[in-house]
N, C-alpha and C. Protein backbone atom coordinates (compact mmCIF):
# COMPACT_ATOMS: atom_id res chain seq x y z
N MET A 1 -192.65 27.57 60.09
CA MET A 1 -192.24 28.82 60.40
C MET A 1 -192.24 29.42 61.88
N TYR A 2 -191.46 29.76 62.01
CA TYR A 2 -190.96 30.41 63.81
C TYR A 2 -191.35 31.80 64.11
N LEU A 3 -191.25 32.04 65.17
CA LEU A 3 -191.73 33.26 65.55
C LEU A 3 -190.61 33.37 67.22
N LEU A 4 -189.76 34.20 66.62
CA LEU A 4 -188.45 34.35 67.60
C LEU A 4 -188.75 35.80 68.52
N LEU A 5 -188.56 35.61 69.71
CA LEU A 5 -189.34 37.04 70.44
C LEU A 5 -187.46 37.39 71.16
N VAL A 6 -187.43 38.31 71.66
CA VAL A 6 -185.59 38.76 72.09
C VAL A 6 -185.86 39.97 72.34
N LYS A 7 -185.19 40.34 73.59
CA LYS A 7 -185.39 40.99 74.92
C LYS A 7 -183.69 41.21 75.01
N ILE A 8 -183.74 42.84 75.19
CA ILE A 8 -181.93 42.93 74.54
C ILE A 8 -181.93 44.30 75.83
N ASN A 9 -180.53 44.08 75.67
CA ASN A 9 -180.58 45.01 76.94
C ASN A 9 -179.71 46.17 76.86
N PRO A 10 -180.62 46.81 77.31
CA PRO A 10 -181.42 48.49 76.77
C PRO A 10 -180.04 49.20 76.32
N GLY A 11 -179.22 49.11 77.02
CA GLY A 11 -177.63 49.80 76.67
C GLY A 11 -177.24 49.06 75.39
N GLN A 12 -177.35 48.04 75.10
CA GLN A 12 -176.98 48.01 73.92
C GLN A 12 -178.02 47.27 72.09
N THR A 13 -179.04 48.21 72.79
CA THR A 13 -179.98 47.75 71.77
C THR A 13 -179.36 48.57 70.41
N GLY A 14 -178.43 49.29 70.23
CA GLY A 14 -177.92 50.02 68.90
C GLY A 14 -177.02 48.62 68.36
N ASP A 15 -176.56 48.11 68.92
CA ASP A 15 -175.09 46.48 69.01
C ASP A 15 -176.30 45.98 68.64
N PHE A 16 -176.72 45.33 68.84
CA PHE A 16 -177.68 44.39 68.52
C PHE A 16 -178.66 44.42 67.60
N VAL A 17 -179.23 45.76 67.01
CA VAL A 17 -179.37 45.84 66.05
C VAL A 17 -178.81 46.12 64.04
N ARG A 18 -177.16 46.81 64.81
CA ARG A 18 -176.41 46.51 63.55
C ARG A 18 -176.10 45.04 62.92
N GLU A 19 -176.56 44.11 64.45
CA GLU A 19 -175.92 42.81 64.31
C GLU A 19 -176.64 42.07 63.24
N LEU A 20 -177.77 42.77 64.03
CA LEU A 20 -178.69 41.57 62.89
C LEU A 20 -179.48 42.32 61.81
N LYS A 21 -179.45 43.63 61.18
CA LYS A 21 -179.41 43.55 60.49
C LYS A 21 -178.16 43.02 58.95
N ARG A 22 -176.96 42.68 60.07
CA ARG A 22 -175.84 42.07 59.07
C ARG A 22 -176.14 40.71 59.00
N LEU A 23 -177.11 39.83 59.33
CA LEU A 23 -177.30 38.94 58.38
C LEU A 23 -178.06 38.36 57.49
N PRO A 24 -177.53 37.85 56.95
CA PRO A 24 -177.94 36.64 55.46
C PRO A 24 -179.20 37.17 55.91
N ASP A 25 -180.28 36.37 54.66
CA ASP A 25 -181.66 36.47 54.52
C ASP A 25 -181.16 34.61 54.55
N LYS A 26 -180.56 33.68 54.65
CA LYS A 26 -179.93 32.62 54.74
C LYS A 26 -179.10 32.46 55.58
N PRO A 27 -179.19 33.03 56.69
CA PRO A 27 -177.97 33.17 57.88
C PRO A 27 -177.54 32.03 58.43
N SER A 28 -178.08 30.33 58.09
CA SER A 28 -177.45 29.33 58.69
C SER A 28 -178.31 28.07 58.25
N THR A 29 -177.82 26.81 58.05
CA THR A 29 -177.97 25.41 56.93
C THR A 29 -179.76 25.33 57.40
N GLY A 30 -180.44 25.44 56.16
CA GLY A 30 -182.11 25.37 56.26
C GLY A 30 -182.79 26.42 57.00
N VAL A 31 -182.74 27.34 56.93
CA VAL A 31 -183.41 28.43 57.60
C VAL A 31 -183.07 29.78 56.58
N THR A 32 -184.57 30.58 56.86
CA THR A 32 -184.53 31.18 55.71
C THR A 32 -185.34 33.02 56.50
N LEU A 33 -184.48 33.34 57.12
CA LEU A 33 -184.98 34.94 57.53
C LEU A 33 -186.50 35.93 56.66
N HIS A 34 -187.29 35.98 57.58
CA HIS A 34 -188.62 36.36 56.63
C HIS A 34 -188.75 38.15 56.80
N TYR A 35 -189.16 38.30 58.39
CA TYR A 35 -189.00 39.48 58.94
C TYR A 35 -188.02 39.62 60.28
N THR A 36 -188.23 40.88 60.53
CA THR A 36 -187.91 41.71 61.98
C THR A 36 -188.31 43.10 62.29
N TYR A 37 -188.64 42.88 63.33
CA TYR A 37 -188.95 43.59 63.99
C TYR A 37 -188.63 44.61 64.93
N ASN A 38 -188.92 45.63 65.05
CA ASN A 38 -188.34 46.00 66.53
C ASN A 38 -190.01 45.97 67.07
N ILE A 39 -190.13 45.42 69.20
CA ILE A 39 -191.58 45.33 69.31
C ILE A 39 -191.62 46.17 70.88
N PHE A 40 -192.95 46.09 70.72
CA PHE A 40 -193.00 47.07 72.31
C PHE A 40 -193.32 46.12 73.44
N GLY A 41 -193.86 46.35 74.78
CA GLY A 41 -193.87 45.20 75.87
C GLY A 41 -192.66 44.61 75.84
N ALA A 42 -193.10 43.48 76.65
CA ALA A 42 -192.19 42.94 77.27
C ALA A 42 -190.57 42.12 76.77
N TRP A 43 -191.13 42.20 75.23
CA TRP A 43 -190.29 41.31 74.35
C TRP A 43 -190.18 43.06 73.47
N ASP A 44 -188.48 42.90 73.05
CA ASP A 44 -187.34 44.29 72.30
C ASP A 44 -187.85 44.03 70.61
N CYS A 45 -187.87 42.45 70.55
CA CYS A 45 -187.62 42.50 69.18
C CYS A 45 -187.77 41.01 68.34
N CYS A 46 -188.67 41.32 67.72
CA CYS A 46 -189.21 39.41 67.13
C CYS A 46 -188.91 38.90 65.47
N ILE A 47 -188.55 38.03 65.40
CA ILE A 47 -188.23 37.68 63.96
C ILE A 47 -188.30 36.54 63.68
N TRP A 48 -189.40 36.40 62.06
CA TRP A 48 -190.42 35.49 61.97
C TRP A 48 -188.95 34.97 60.92
N PHE A 49 -188.86 33.55 60.91
CA PHE A 49 -188.64 32.26 60.30
C PHE A 49 -188.58 31.12 59.68
N GLU A 50 -187.83 31.02 58.77
CA GLU A 50 -188.37 29.78 57.72
C GLU A 50 -187.29 28.82 58.66
N ALA A 51 -187.92 27.01 59.45
CA ALA A 51 -186.25 26.35 59.10
C ALA A 51 -187.02 24.63 58.23
N ASP A 52 -186.20 24.38 58.52
CA ASP A 52 -186.26 22.83 57.94
C ASP A 52 -186.59 21.50 58.25
N THR A 53 -186.07 22.09 59.67
CA THR A 53 -185.87 20.95 61.01
C THR A 53 -185.58 22.32 62.13
N HIS A 54 -186.66 21.37 63.31
CA HIS A 54 -186.20 22.20 64.92
C HIS A 54 -184.81 22.18 64.98
N ASP A 55 -184.35 20.80 64.48
CA ASP A 55 -182.57 20.95 64.97
C ASP A 55 -182.39 22.44 64.35
N ASN A 56 -182.56 22.25 63.15
CA ASN A 56 -181.97 23.51 62.40
C ASN A 56 -182.67 25.34 63.15
N ALA A 57 -183.22 25.20 63.46
CA ALA A 57 -184.11 26.52 64.15
C ALA A 57 -183.55 26.73 65.09
N MET A 58 -183.55 25.52 65.85
CA MET A 58 -182.66 25.56 67.35
C MET A 58 -181.62 25.85 67.42
N ASN A 59 -180.41 25.42 66.26
CA ASN A 59 -179.04 25.54 65.65
C ASN A 59 -178.68 27.77 65.72
N PHE A 60 -179.50 28.00 64.56
CA PHE A 60 -179.95 29.18 64.82
C PHE A 60 -179.83 30.28 65.30
N VAL A 61 -181.07 29.84 66.42
CA VAL A 61 -181.49 30.56 68.00
C VAL A 61 -179.97 30.71 68.42
N GLN A 62 -179.45 29.56 68.50
CA GLN A 62 -178.24 29.53 69.34
C GLN A 62 -176.94 30.02 68.70
N ASN A 63 -176.80 29.71 67.95
CA ASN A 63 -175.46 30.42 67.08
C ASN A 63 -175.76 31.43 66.76
N LYS A 64 -176.43 32.01 66.16
CA LYS A 64 -176.15 33.08 65.40
C LYS A 64 -177.15 34.55 66.03
N ILE A 65 -178.50 33.98 67.08
CA ILE A 65 -178.51 35.18 67.25
C ILE A 65 -178.57 35.16 69.12
N ARG A 66 -178.65 34.11 69.84
CA ARG A 66 -178.14 34.40 71.53
C ARG A 66 -176.50 35.04 71.13
N PRO A 67 -175.51 34.34 70.72
CA PRO A 67 -174.32 35.29 70.77
C PRO A 67 -174.44 36.61 70.82
N ILE A 68 -175.17 37.88 69.86
CA ILE A 68 -175.12 38.42 69.58
C ILE A 68 -175.18 39.64 70.93
N PRO A 69 -174.40 41.11 71.11
CA PRO A 69 -174.59 41.35 71.94
C PRO A 69 -175.53 42.32 72.22
N GLY A 70 -175.80 41.70 73.79
CA GLY A 70 -177.42 42.33 74.03
C GLY A 70 -178.17 42.02 74.33
N VAL A 71 -178.11 40.34 73.78
CA VAL A 71 -179.55 39.46 74.01
C VAL A 71 -179.44 38.90 75.43
N VAL A 72 -180.31 39.37 75.52
CA VAL A 72 -180.51 38.49 77.34
C VAL A 72 -181.32 37.50 77.09
N GLU A 73 -182.45 37.44 76.60
CA GLU A 73 -183.27 36.16 76.81
C GLU A 73 -183.89 36.17 75.48
N THR A 74 -184.47 34.91 75.05
CA THR A 74 -185.02 34.58 73.88
C THR A 74 -185.84 34.00 73.91
N TYR A 75 -187.37 33.77 73.39
CA TYR A 75 -188.36 32.53 73.20
C TYR A 75 -188.66 32.85 71.73
N THR A 76 -188.98 31.03 71.53
CA THR A 76 -189.30 30.31 70.34
C THR A 76 -190.15 29.75 70.22
N MET A 77 -190.70 30.37 69.56
CA MET A 77 -192.52 29.31 69.10
C MET A 77 -192.17 28.97 67.84
N PRO A 78 -192.11 27.67 67.53
CA PRO A 78 -193.07 27.46 66.05
C PRO A 78 -194.53 27.22 65.77
N THR A 79 -194.85 28.03 64.53
CA THR A 79 -195.86 28.71 64.54
C THR A 79 -196.78 27.99 62.82
N THR A 80 -197.81 27.55 63.02
CA THR A 80 -199.05 27.60 61.82
C THR A 80 -199.63 27.93 61.57
N PRO A 81 -199.98 28.58 60.53
CA PRO A 81 -200.54 29.05 59.26
C PRO A 81 -202.24 28.93 59.74
N VAL A 82 -202.92 29.65 60.05
CA VAL A 82 -204.57 29.65 60.12
C VAL A 82 -204.93 30.82 59.13
N LYS A 83 -204.57 31.35 58.22
CA LYS A 83 -205.13 32.22 57.13
C LYS A 83 -204.21 33.08 56.48
N GLU A 84 -203.95 32.88 55.29
CA GLU A 84 -202.98 34.21 55.30
C GLU A 84 -204.07 34.94 54.09
N TYR A 85 -203.49 36.17 54.50
CA TYR A 85 -204.19 37.56 54.44
C TYR A 85 -204.20 38.60 53.71
N LYS A 86 -202.82 38.60 53.46
CA LYS A 86 -202.24 39.16 52.13
C LYS A 86 -201.13 38.62 52.37
N SER A 87 -201.20 38.13 50.36
CA SER A 87 -200.01 37.85 49.98
C SER A 87 -199.10 38.23 49.15
N TRP A 88 -197.49 38.59 49.45
CA TRP A 88 -197.14 39.58 48.95
C TRP A 88 -196.61 38.79 47.95
């Protein structure tokens, strides 16, 4: 699993959100989207996704997220679960 933080140009938030909503749940090879959230603070959006390799994670961010209008900066973190509190 990966947590991707995104900074958005404030004047292009609507454009970014529209494009983000258009992404399919499997937007690129080996990648599955799980959640997208608006967040507050230093970052504007977070995306939880799964990728089968680090290369596929990097390609997703570089080829699908960074080109979206309004993206100013991204920060991607691989994550490891400690405990699952709620199963869906």
